[in-house]
Amino acid sequence: MYGFYGKYNYGLDLKGRAQIPAQFRSLIPEDKPRIIVMTKGPDNCIHTFHPSVWREYIDRMSNLEMDKSEKLELMREVLAQTTNVNVDAQFRFKVPTELAEYAMLKEDIEFIGFNDRIEIWNPDIRKEHRSKIKKIDRDKLLDVLIN
């Protein structure tokens, strides 16, 4: 699997379903049933994972060096906010109500490729969040990464 990059605007249909952009369809396992993993992300977005990538996150969480009871509570909290979601033959999926409410999704949604996952945003929330972030000098960042 390769990384996910780019931004794509789509809409939710009347049944609350979204369609995965063509550029992100490698996220979908070829097995039947087709499942993606969705969970709450930071800043009122939804994180969407290929099941094998999510499994890696769970394994890393299980191996964290921290107090056992704290780790168990952390895992309970994260896993309680996570769900498997079926994807149909047209690459549509129903956004779970709890996650849609958390992300304040309406008719329009924004998919953002974020390397090993896809973020799903309400475009207005994303715009508001971006306006709060200090402007980053892209050229400076690229210079640091390349050199």
N, C-alpha and C. Protein backbone atom coordinates (compact mmCIF):
# COMPACT_ATOMS: atom_id res chain seq x y z
N MET A 1 0.84 -1.17 0.00
CA MET A 1 0.00 0.00 0.00
C MET A 1 0.90 1.24 0.00
N TYR A 2 0.48 2.25 -0.72
CA TYR A 2 1.22 3.51 -0.77
C TYR A 2 0.56 4.53 0.13
N GLY A 3 1.15 5.70 0.19
CA GLY A 3 0.58 6.74 1.03
C GLY A 3 -0.59 7.44 0.36
N PHE A 4 -1.44 8.06 1.17
CA PHE A 4 -2.58 8.82 0.68
C PHE A 4 -2.25 10.30 0.73
N TYR A 5 -2.48 10.98 -0.40
CA TYR A 5 -2.17 12.41 -0.49
C TYR A 5 -3.29 13.10 -1.26
N GLY A 6 -3.45 14.38 -1.01
CA GLY A 6 -4.41 15.17 -1.76
C GLY A 6 -5.66 15.48 -0.96
N LYS A 7 -6.49 16.37 -1.57
CA LYS A 7 -7.73 16.80 -0.95
C LYS A 7 -8.84 16.67 -2.00
N TYR A 8 -9.96 16.09 -1.58
CA TYR A 8 -11.08 15.86 -2.48
C TYR A 8 -12.37 16.21 -1.77
N ASN A 9 -13.20 16.99 -2.43
CA ASN A 9 -14.49 17.38 -1.87
C ASN A 9 -15.59 16.52 -2.47
N TYR A 10 -16.42 15.99 -1.60
CA TYR A 10 -17.54 15.14 -1.99
C TYR A 10 -18.75 15.56 -1.17
N GLY A 11 -19.85 14.90 -1.39
CA GLY A 11 -21.05 15.18 -0.62
C GLY A 11 -21.58 13.90 0.00
N LEU A 12 -22.37 14.06 1.05
CA LEU A 12 -23.09 12.94 1.63
C LEU A 12 -24.43 12.84 0.91
N ASP A 13 -24.87 11.60 0.64
CA ASP A 13 -26.19 11.44 0.03
C ASP A 13 -27.26 11.50 1.13
N LEU A 14 -28.51 11.35 0.73
CA LEU A 14 -29.63 11.48 1.68
C LEU A 14 -29.60 10.42 2.77
N LYS A 15 -28.90 9.30 2.50
CA LYS A 15 -28.80 8.23 3.50
C LYS A 15 -27.57 8.38 4.39
N GLY A 16 -26.85 9.49 4.24
CA GLY A 16 -25.66 9.71 5.05
C GLY A 16 -24.44 8.93 4.57
N ARG A 17 -24.47 8.54 3.29
CA ARG A 17 -23.34 7.78 2.74
C ARG A 17 -22.38 8.72 2.00
N ALA A 18 -21.13 8.34 2.04
CA ALA A 18 -20.09 9.04 1.29
C ALA A 18 -19.47 8.04 0.32
N GLN A 19 -18.84 8.54 -0.71
CA GLN A 19 -18.15 7.68 -1.66
C GLN A 19 -16.66 7.98 -1.56
N ILE A 20 -15.88 6.92 -1.43
CA ILE A 20 -14.43 7.09 -1.32
C ILE A 20 -13.88 7.56 -2.66
N PRO A 21 -13.09 8.65 -2.66
CA PRO A 21 -12.51 9.12 -3.92
C PRO A 21 -11.68 8.03 -4.61
N ALA A 22 -11.71 8.03 -5.92
CA ALA A 22 -10.99 7.01 -6.70
C ALA A 22 -9.52 6.92 -6.28
N GLN A 23 -8.92 8.06 -5.99
CA GLN A 23 -7.49 8.08 -5.63
C GLN A 23 -7.21 7.37 -4.31
N PHE A 24 -8.24 7.15 -3.50
CA PHE A 24 -8.05 6.53 -2.19
C PHE A 24 -8.60 5.10 -2.12
N ARG A 25 -9.00 4.53 -3.21
CA ARG A 25 -9.67 3.24 -3.16
C ARG A 25 -8.76 2.07 -2.81
N SER A 26 -7.46 2.27 -2.84
CA SER A 26 -6.55 1.21 -2.37
C SER A 26 -6.70 1.00 -0.87
N LEU A 27 -7.38 1.94 -0.19
CA LEU A 27 -7.68 1.78 1.23
C LEU A 27 -8.59 0.58 1.46
N ILE A 28 -9.37 0.23 0.46
CA ILE A 28 -10.39 -0.81 0.60
C ILE A 28 -9.77 -2.18 0.42
N PRO A 29 -9.89 -3.05 1.40
CA PRO A 29 -9.39 -4.41 1.23
C PRO A 29 -10.15 -5.11 0.10
N GLU A 30 -9.47 -5.99 -0.60
CA GLU A 30 -10.11 -6.73 -1.68
C GLU A 30 -10.98 -7.86 -1.15
N ASP A 31 -10.79 -8.24 0.11
CA ASP A 31 -11.59 -9.30 0.71
C ASP A 31 -13.06 -8.87 0.77
N LYS A 32 -13.92 -9.84 0.86
CA LYS A 32 -15.34 -9.57 1.09
C LYS A 32 -15.66 -10.06 2.49
N PRO A 33 -16.39 -9.37 3.33
CA PRO A 33 -16.91 -8.05 3.04
C PRO A 33 -15.81 -6.99 3.08
N ARG A 34 -16.02 -5.93 2.35
CA ARG A 34 -15.07 -4.82 2.33
C ARG A 34 -15.29 -3.99 3.59
N ILE A 35 -14.22 -3.82 4.34
CA ILE A 35 -14.30 -3.12 5.64
C ILE A 35 -13.23 -2.03 5.69
N ILE A 36 -13.59 -0.88 6.24
CA ILE A 36 -12.62 0.14 6.63
C ILE A 36 -12.81 0.38 8.12
N VAL A 37 -11.80 0.94 8.75
CA VAL A 37 -11.85 1.23 10.18
C VAL A 37 -11.91 2.74 10.34
N MET A 38 -12.91 3.19 11.12
CA MET A 38 -13.09 4.63 11.35
C MET A 38 -13.05 4.92 12.85
N THR A 39 -12.41 6.05 13.18
CA THR A 39 -12.31 6.46 14.57
C THR A 39 -12.21 7.97 14.66
N LYS A 40 -12.43 8.49 15.85
CA LYS A 40 -12.30 9.92 16.06
C LYS A 40 -10.84 10.34 15.92
N GLY A 41 -10.62 11.38 15.15
CA GLY A 41 -9.30 11.98 15.03
C GLY A 41 -9.29 13.28 15.81
N PRO A 42 -8.16 13.97 15.83
CA PRO A 42 -8.10 15.25 16.53
C PRO A 42 -8.84 16.34 15.76
N ASP A 43 -9.20 17.40 16.43
CA ASP A 43 -9.77 18.59 15.78
C ASP A 43 -11.08 18.34 15.05
N ASN A 44 -11.87 17.39 15.54
CA ASN A 44 -13.19 17.08 14.96
C ASN A 44 -13.12 16.52 13.54
N CYS A 45 -12.10 15.75 13.26
CA CYS A 45 -12.08 15.02 12.00
C CYS A 45 -12.23 13.53 12.30
N ILE A 46 -12.47 12.76 11.26
CA ILE A 46 -12.58 11.31 11.38
C ILE A 46 -11.37 10.70 10.70
N HIS A 47 -10.70 9.78 11.36
CA HIS A 47 -9.60 9.03 10.75
C HIS A 47 -10.14 7.73 10.18
N THR A 48 -9.71 7.41 8.98
CA THR A 48 -10.16 6.22 8.27
C THR A 48 -8.94 5.41 7.86
N PHE A 49 -8.94 4.11 8.20
CA PHE A 49 -7.77 3.26 8.00
C PHE A 49 -8.11 1.98 7.24
N HIS A 50 -7.13 1.47 6.54
CA HIS A 50 -7.17 0.08 6.06
C HIS A 50 -7.04 -0.78 7.32
N PRO A 51 -7.78 -1.88 7.42
CA PRO A 51 -7.72 -2.70 8.65
C PRO A 51 -6.31 -3.14 9.05
N SER A 52 -5.45 -3.44 8.10
CA SER A 52 -4.10 -3.89 8.47
C SER A 52 -3.28 -2.75 9.08
N VAL A 53 -3.50 -1.53 8.61
CA VAL A 53 -2.80 -0.37 9.18
C VAL A 53 -3.33 -0.11 10.59
N TRP A 54 -4.63 -0.21 10.78
CA TRP A 54 -5.21 -0.03 12.11
C TRP A 54 -4.65 -1.07 13.08
N ARG A 55 -4.50 -2.29 12.61
CA ARG A 55 -3.94 -3.37 13.45
C ARG A 55 -2.54 -2.98 13.92
N GLU A 56 -1.74 -2.35 13.04
CA GLU A 56 -0.40 -1.90 13.44
C GLU A 56 -0.49 -0.86 14.56
N TYR A 57 -1.44 0.05 14.47
CA TYR A 57 -1.63 1.05 15.53
C TYR A 57 -1.98 0.38 16.85
N ILE A 58 -2.87 -0.59 16.80
CA ILE A 58 -3.26 -1.29 18.02
C ILE A 58 -2.07 -2.04 18.61
N ASP A 59 -1.27 -2.67 17.76
CA ASP A 59 -0.08 -3.37 18.25
C ASP A 59 0.89 -2.39 18.91
N ARG A 60 1.08 -1.22 18.29
CA ARG A 60 1.98 -0.23 18.88
C ARG A 60 1.43 0.28 20.20
N MET A 61 0.12 0.49 20.25
CA MET A 61 -0.50 0.94 21.49
C MET A 61 -0.31 -0.11 22.59
N SER A 62 -0.45 -1.37 22.23
CA SER A 62 -0.30 -2.46 23.20
C SER A 62 1.11 -2.52 23.77
N ASN A 63 2.08 -2.05 23.00
CA ASN A 63 3.48 -2.12 23.41
C ASN A 63 4.01 -0.83 24.02
N LEU A 64 3.13 0.14 24.26
CA LEU A 64 3.58 1.39 24.87
C LEU A 64 4.17 1.13 26.25
N GLU A 65 5.22 1.84 26.56
CA GLU A 65 5.86 1.75 27.87
C GLU A 65 5.14 2.72 28.81
N MET A 66 4.15 2.22 29.49
CA MET A 66 3.43 3.05 30.46
C MET A 66 2.75 2.14 31.47
N ASP A 67 2.23 2.76 32.50
CA ASP A 67 1.53 2.02 33.54
C ASP A 67 0.44 1.16 32.90
N LYS A 68 0.35 -0.10 33.35
CA LYS A 68 -0.59 -1.04 32.74
C LYS A 68 -2.04 -0.56 32.81
N SER A 69 -2.46 -0.04 33.95
CA SER A 69 -3.85 0.41 34.08
C SER A 69 -4.12 1.62 33.19
N GLU A 70 -3.13 2.52 33.07
CA GLU A 70 -3.29 3.68 32.18
C GLU A 70 -3.37 3.23 30.72
N LYS A 71 -2.54 2.27 30.36
CA LYS A 71 -2.56 1.77 28.99
C LYS A 71 -3.89 1.10 28.68
N LEU A 72 -4.41 0.30 29.60
CA LEU A 72 -5.70 -0.34 29.38
C LEU A 72 -6.81 0.69 29.21
N GLU A 73 -6.78 1.74 30.04
CA GLU A 73 -7.82 2.78 29.94
C GLU A 73 -7.68 3.54 28.62
N LEU A 74 -6.47 3.83 28.22
CA LEU A 74 -6.23 4.49 26.92
C LEU A 74 -6.78 3.63 25.78
N MET A 75 -6.48 2.34 25.82
CA MET A 75 -6.94 1.45 24.76
C MET A 75 -8.47 1.35 24.77
N ARG A 76 -9.07 1.28 25.96
CA ARG A 76 -10.54 1.24 26.03
C ARG A 76 -11.14 2.48 25.39
N GLU A 77 -10.58 3.63 25.73
CA GLU A 77 -11.10 4.89 25.20
C GLU A 77 -10.99 4.93 23.68
N VAL A 78 -9.84 4.59 23.15
CA VAL A 78 -9.65 4.62 21.70
C VAL A 78 -10.53 3.59 21.00
N LEU A 79 -10.54 2.37 21.50
CA LEU A 79 -11.31 1.31 20.84
C LEU A 79 -12.82 1.53 20.96
N ALA A 80 -13.27 2.18 22.03
CA ALA A 80 -14.70 2.47 22.16
C ALA A 80 -15.16 3.49 21.13
N GLN A 81 -14.24 4.28 20.60
CA GLN A 81 -14.57 5.30 19.60
C GLN A 81 -14.29 4.83 18.18
N THR A 82 -14.03 3.56 18.01
CA THR A 82 -13.62 2.99 16.72
C THR A 82 -14.66 2.00 16.24
N THR A 83 -14.87 1.96 14.93
CA THR A 83 -15.83 1.02 14.37
C THR A 83 -15.41 0.54 13.00
N ASN A 84 -15.78 -0.70 12.69
CA ASN A 84 -15.60 -1.23 11.34
C ASN A 84 -16.80 -0.79 10.51
N VAL A 85 -16.54 -0.37 9.29
CA VAL A 85 -17.59 0.13 8.42
C VAL A 85 -17.54 -0.63 7.10
N ASN A 86 -18.70 -1.11 6.66
CA ASN A 86 -18.80 -1.81 5.38
C ASN A 86 -18.77 -0.83 4.22
N VAL A 87 -18.12 -1.24 3.14
CA VAL A 87 -18.05 -0.46 1.91
C VAL A 87 -18.70 -1.27 0.81
N ASP A 88 -19.61 -0.64 0.05
CA ASP A 88 -20.32 -1.39 -0.99
C ASP A 88 -19.53 -1.41 -2.31
N ALA A 89 -20.11 -2.03 -3.33
CA ALA A 89 -19.43 -2.20 -4.61
C ALA A 89 -19.15 -0.87 -5.32
N GLN A 90 -19.91 0.17 -4.98
CA GLN A 90 -19.68 1.51 -5.56
C GLN A 90 -18.76 2.36 -4.68
N PHE A 91 -18.11 1.72 -3.72
CA PHE A 91 -17.18 2.37 -2.79
C PHE A 91 -17.88 3.41 -1.92
N ARG A 92 -19.14 3.16 -1.60
CA ARG A 92 -19.89 4.01 -0.68
C ARG A 92 -19.88 3.38 0.70
N PHE A 93 -19.95 4.23 1.71
CA PHE A 93 -20.02 3.76 3.08
C PHE A 93 -20.89 4.72 3.88
N LYS A 94 -21.53 4.20 4.89
CA LYS A 94 -22.37 5.01 5.78
C LYS A 94 -21.48 5.51 6.91
N VAL A 95 -21.44 6.81 7.07
CA VAL A 95 -20.67 7.39 8.17
C VAL A 95 -21.46 7.13 9.45
N PRO A 96 -20.86 6.43 10.42
CA PRO A 96 -21.58 6.17 11.68
C PRO A 96 -22.06 7.47 12.32
N THR A 97 -23.28 7.44 12.83
CA THR A 97 -23.91 8.64 13.39
C THR A 97 -23.04 9.33 14.43
N GLU A 98 -22.48 8.57 15.37
CA GLU A 98 -21.65 9.18 16.42
C GLU A 98 -20.45 9.91 15.83
N LEU A 99 -19.83 9.31 14.82
CA LEU A 99 -18.68 9.97 14.19
C LEU A 99 -19.10 11.17 13.36
N ALA A 100 -20.21 11.06 12.65
CA ALA A 100 -20.72 12.18 11.85
C ALA A 100 -21.03 13.37 12.76
N GLU A 101 -21.62 13.10 13.92
CA GLU A 101 -21.93 14.18 14.87
C GLU A 101 -20.64 14.78 15.43
N TYR A 102 -19.67 13.93 15.78
CA TYR A 102 -18.39 14.41 16.31
C TYR A 102 -17.70 15.34 15.31
N ALA A 103 -17.72 14.95 14.02
CA ALA A 103 -17.06 15.74 12.97
C ALA A 103 -17.95 16.86 12.43
N MET A 104 -19.17 16.93 12.95
CA MET A 104 -20.14 17.95 12.51
C MET A 104 -20.33 17.92 10.99
N LEU A 105 -20.43 16.71 10.45
CA LEU A 105 -20.60 16.57 9.01
C LEU A 105 -21.99 17.01 8.59
N LYS A 106 -22.03 17.65 7.43
CA LYS A 106 -23.30 18.07 6.83
C LYS A 106 -23.34 17.49 5.42
N GLU A 107 -23.81 18.27 4.46
CA GLU A 107 -23.91 17.76 3.09
C GLU A 107 -22.54 17.59 2.43
N ASP A 108 -21.68 18.58 2.61
CA ASP A 108 -20.36 18.56 1.98
C ASP A 108 -19.32 18.01 2.95
N ILE A 109 -18.43 17.19 2.41
CA ILE A 109 -17.33 16.67 3.22
C ILE A 109 -16.03 16.79 2.43
N GLU A 110 -14.95 16.76 3.17
CA GLU A 110 -13.62 16.90 2.57
C GLU A 110 -12.78 15.69 2.99
N PHE A 111 -12.22 15.00 2.01
CA PHE A 111 -11.29 13.90 2.26
C PHE A 111 -9.89 14.46 2.12
N ILE A 112 -9.04 14.20 3.10
CA ILE A 112 -7.64 14.61 3.03
C ILE A 112 -6.77 13.39 3.23
N GLY A 113 -5.89 13.13 2.24
CA GLY A 113 -4.93 12.05 2.38
C GLY A 113 -3.88 12.44 3.39
N PHE A 114 -3.65 11.58 4.35
CA PHE A 114 -2.71 11.87 5.43
C PHE A 114 -1.76 10.68 5.60
N ASN A 115 -1.06 10.37 4.54
CA ASN A 115 -0.06 9.30 4.47
C ASN A 115 -0.68 7.92 4.66
N ASP A 116 -0.80 7.42 5.89
CA ASP A 116 -1.30 6.06 6.10
C ASP A 116 -2.78 6.01 6.44
N ARG A 117 -3.45 7.16 6.37
CA ARG A 117 -4.88 7.22 6.69
C ARG A 117 -5.53 8.31 5.86
N ILE A 118 -6.84 8.35 5.93
CA ILE A 118 -7.60 9.41 5.29
C ILE A 118 -8.37 10.14 6.38
N GLU A 119 -8.32 11.45 6.33
CA GLU A 119 -9.11 12.26 7.25
C GLU A 119 -10.38 12.70 6.53
N ILE A 120 -11.49 12.70 7.26
CA ILE A 120 -12.76 13.19 6.74
C ILE A 120 -13.17 14.40 7.58
N TRP A 121 -13.45 15.51 6.90
CA TRP A 121 -13.72 16.78 7.56
C TRP A 121 -15.02 17.41 7.07
N ASN A 122 -15.62 18.21 7.93
CA ASN A 122 -16.59 19.21 7.51
C ASN A 122 -15.72 20.34 6.95
N PRO A 123 -15.89 20.74 5.68
CA PRO A 123 -15.01 21.77 5.11
C PRO A 123 -15.00 23.08 5.89
N ASP A 124 -16.12 23.46 6.50
CA ASP A 124 -16.16 24.69 7.29
C ASP A 124 -15.30 24.57 8.55
N ILE A 125 -15.35 23.42 9.20
CA ILE A 125 -14.53 23.18 10.40
C ILE A 125 -13.05 23.18 10.01
N ARG A 126 -12.74 22.55 8.90
CA ARG A 126 -11.34 22.50 8.42
C ARG A 126 -10.83 23.92 8.14
N LYS A 127 -11.66 24.72 7.48
CA LYS A 127 -11.27 26.10 7.16
C LYS A 127 -11.03 26.90 8.44
N GLU A 128 -11.94 26.74 9.39
CA GLU A 128 -11.81 27.43 10.68
C GLU A 128 -10.54 26.98 11.40
N HIS A 129 -10.27 25.68 11.39
CA HIS A 129 -9.07 25.16 12.04
C HIS A 129 -7.81 25.73 11.38
N ARG A 130 -7.80 25.74 10.06
CA ARG A 130 -6.63 26.25 9.33
C ARG A 130 -6.40 27.72 9.63
N SER A 131 -7.45 28.50 9.83
CA SER A 131 -7.30 29.92 10.10
C SER A 131 -6.65 30.18 11.46
N LYS A 132 -6.75 29.21 12.38
CA LYS A 132 -6.17 29.36 13.71
C LYS A 132 -4.69 28.98 13.75
N ILE A 133 -4.27 28.22 12.77
CA ILE A 133 -2.90 27.75 12.75
C ILE A 133 -1.97 28.83 12.20
N LYS A 134 -0.85 29.00 12.85
CA LYS A 134 0.15 29.96 12.38
C LYS A 134 0.59 29.57 10.97
N LYS A 135 0.67 30.54 10.10
CA LYS A 135 1.07 30.29 8.72
C LYS A 135 2.48 29.68 8.70
N ILE A 136 2.63 28.58 8.01
CA ILE A 136 3.92 27.89 7.94
C ILE A 136 4.60 28.25 6.62
N ASP A 137 5.87 28.56 6.69
CA ASP A 137 6.64 28.84 5.49
C ASP A 137 6.96 27.51 4.82
N ARG A 138 6.19 27.17 3.78
CA ARG A 138 6.32 25.88 3.10
C ARG A 138 7.73 25.65 2.57
N ASP A 139 8.33 26.67 1.97
CA ASP A 139 9.69 26.53 1.44
C ASP A 139 10.69 26.21 2.54
N LYS A 140 10.53 26.84 3.70
CA LYS A 140 11.42 26.58 4.83
C LYS A 140 11.25 25.14 5.30
N LEU A 141 10.00 24.68 5.40
CA LEU A 141 9.73 23.31 5.82
C LEU A 141 10.36 22.31 4.84
N LEU A 142 10.16 22.54 3.55
CA LEU A 142 10.74 21.64 2.54
C LEU A 142 12.26 21.64 2.61
N ASP A 143 12.84 22.83 2.84
CA ASP A 143 14.30 22.93 2.95
C ASP A 143 14.81 22.08 4.13
N VAL A 144 14.11 22.13 5.26
CA VAL A 144 14.50 21.35 6.43
C VAL A 144 14.38 19.85 6.11
N LEU A 145 13.30 19.46 5.45
CA LEU A 145 13.09 18.04 5.14
C LEU A 145 14.10 17.50 4.14
N ILE A 146 14.47 18.31 3.14
CA ILE A 146 15.36 17.85 2.09
C ILE A 146 16.82 17.88 2.53
N ASN A 147 17.18 18.87 3.33
CA ASN A 147 18.59 19.00 3.72
C ASN A 147 18.78 18.48 5.07
